[in-house]
């Protein structure tokens, strides 16, 4: 155990591809995040609107089941 060589070998740098530049991609990522936030907020607002309308119908007693 005393004479074992336990040092890790270095990785070859030529094996890995060069990193991509983030110039074009970051702009589209920003737009995707902004669109996701907007559409998510719109969907939540529509769900809240439907729930409020259903609750108002229940409170007024105008909701009928099965015609």
C-alpha atoms as a PDB file:
ATOM      1  CA  UNK A   1       0.000   0.000   0.000  1.00  0.00           C
ATOM      2  CA  UNK A   2       2.833   2.345   0.771  1.00  0.00           C
ATOM      3  CA  UNK A   3       4.329   2.266  -2.732  1.00  0.00           C
ATOM      4  CA  UNK A   4       1.059   2.338  -4.739  1.00  0.00           C
ATOM      5  CA  UNK A   5       0.691   5.155  -7.243  1.00  0.00           C
ATOM      6  CA  UNK A   6      -2.825   6.479  -6.501  1.00  0.00           C
ATOM      7  CA  UNK A   7      -2.643   9.687  -8.494  1.00  0.00           C
ATOM      8  CA  UNK A   8      -5.382  10.287 -11.056  1.00  0.00           C
ATOM      9  CA  UNK A   9      -4.490  10.546 -14.723  1.00  0.00           C
ATOM     10  CA  UNK A  10      -5.228  13.818 -16.444  1.00  0.00           C
ATOM     11  CA  UNK A  11      -7.876  13.862 -19.152  1.00  0.00           C
ATOM     12  CA  UNK A  12      -6.786  14.622 -22.670  1.00  0.00           C
ATOM     13  CA  UNK A  13      -8.094  18.048 -23.666  1.00  0.00           C
ATOM     14  CA  UNK A  14      -8.285  17.120 -27.357  1.00  0.00           C
ATOM     15  CA  UNK A  15     -10.994  14.572 -26.624  1.00  0.00           C
ATOM     16  CA  UNK A  16     -13.633  17.157 -25.700  1.00  0.00           C
ATOM     17  CA  UNK A  17     -15.260  19.322 -28.383  1.00  0.00           C
ATOM     18  CA  UNK A  18     -14.733  23.080 -28.071  1.00  0.00           C
ATOM     19  CA  UNK A  19     -17.474  24.925 -26.183  1.00  0.00           C
ATOM     20  CA  UNK A  20     -20.206  26.612 -28.190  1.00  0.00           C
ATOM     21  CA  UNK A  21     -20.549  30.335 -28.250  1.00  0.00           C
ATOM     22  CA  UNK A  22     -23.665  31.520 -26.467  1.00  0.00           C
ATOM     23  CA  UNK A  23     -24.321  34.534 -28.717  1.00  0.00           C
ATOM     24  CA  UNK A  24     -27.238  33.308 -30.817  1.00  0.00           C
ATOM     25  CA  UNK A  25     -28.611  30.805 -28.361  1.00  0.00           C
ATOM     26  CA  UNK A  26     -29.003  33.132 -25.366  1.00  0.00           C
ATOM     27  CA  UNK A  27     -31.350  35.460 -27.269  1.00  0.00           C
ATOM     28  CA  UNK A  28     -33.680  32.647 -28.203  1.00  0.00           C
ATOM     29  CA  UNK A  29     -33.530  31.254 -24.660  1.00  0.00           C
ATOM     30  CA  UNK A  30     -34.585  34.638 -23.295  1.00  0.00           C
ATOM     31  CA  UNK A  31     -37.505  34.729 -25.718  1.00  0.00           C
ATOM     32  CA  UNK A  32     -38.531  31.182 -24.786  1.00  0.00           C
ATOM     33  CA  UNK A  33     -38.498  31.996 -21.075  1.00  0.00           C
ATOM     34  CA  UNK A  34     -40.465  35.214 -21.646  1.00  0.00           C
ATOM     35  CA  UNK A  35     -43.048  33.400 -23.787  1.00  0.00           C
ATOM     36  CA  UNK A  36     -43.343  30.642 -21.173  1.00  0.00           C
ATOM     37  CA  UNK A  37     -43.919  33.127 -18.376  1.00  0.00           C
ATOM     38  CA  UNK A  38     -46.510  35.012 -20.433  1.00  0.00           C
ATOM     39  CA  UNK A  39     -48.406  31.885 -21.540  1.00  0.00           C
ATOM     40  CA  UNK A  40     -48.261  30.424 -18.046  1.00  0.00           C
ATOM     41  CA  UNK A  41     -49.744  33.600 -16.584  1.00  0.00           C
ATOM     42  CA  UNK A  42     -52.441  33.639 -19.258  1.00  0.00           C
ATOM     43  CA  UNK A  43     -53.350  30.013 -18.538  1.00  0.00           C
ATOM     44  CA  UNK A  44     -53.548  30.681 -14.791  1.00  0.00           C
ATOM     45  CA  UNK A  45     -55.751  33.711 -15.405  1.00  0.00           C
ATOM     46  CA  UNK A  46     -58.130  31.668 -17.588  1.00  0.00           C
ATOM     47  CA  UNK A  47     -58.370  28.937 -14.951  1.00  0.00           C
ATOM     48  CA  UNK A  48     -59.104  31.543 -12.296  1.00  0.00           C
ATOM     49  CA  UNK A  49     -61.768  33.118 -14.526  1.00  0.00           C
ATOM     50  CA  UNK A  50     -63.477  29.762 -15.095  1.00  0.00           C
ATOM     51  CA  UNK A  51     -63.354  28.890 -11.390  1.00  0.00           C
ATOM     52  CA  UNK A  52     -64.808  32.274 -10.457  1.00  0.00           C
ATOM     53  CA  UNK A  53     -67.632  31.909 -12.990  1.00  0.00           C
ATOM     54  CA  UNK A  54     -68.454  28.417 -11.722  1.00  0.00           C
ATOM     55  CA  UNK A  55     -68.421  29.588  -8.103  1.00  0.00           C
ATOM     56  CA  UNK A  56     -70.709  32.537  -8.962  1.00  0.00           C
ATOM     57  CA  UNK A  57     -73.170  30.163 -10.653  1.00  0.00           C
ATOM     58  CA  UNK A  58     -73.122  27.896  -7.607  1.00  0.00           C
ATOM     59  CA  UNK A  59     -73.753  30.809  -5.241  1.00  0.00           C
ATOM     60  CA  UNK A  60     -76.623  32.183  -7.333  1.00  0.00           C
ATOM     61  CA  UNK A  61     -78.187  28.762  -7.688  1.00  0.00           C
ATOM     62  CA  UNK A  62     -78.410  28.898 -11.469  1.00  0.00           C
ATOM     63  CA  UNK A  63     -76.232  25.840 -12.057  1.00  0.00           C
ATOM     64  CA  UNK A  64     -78.268  22.925 -13.308  1.00  0.00           C
ATOM     65  CA  UNK A  65     -77.094  19.343 -13.743  1.00  0.00           C
ATOM     66  CA  UNK A  66     -78.454  17.245 -16.613  1.00  0.00           C
ATOM     67  CA  UNK A  67     -80.872  19.655 -18.276  1.00  0.00           C
END
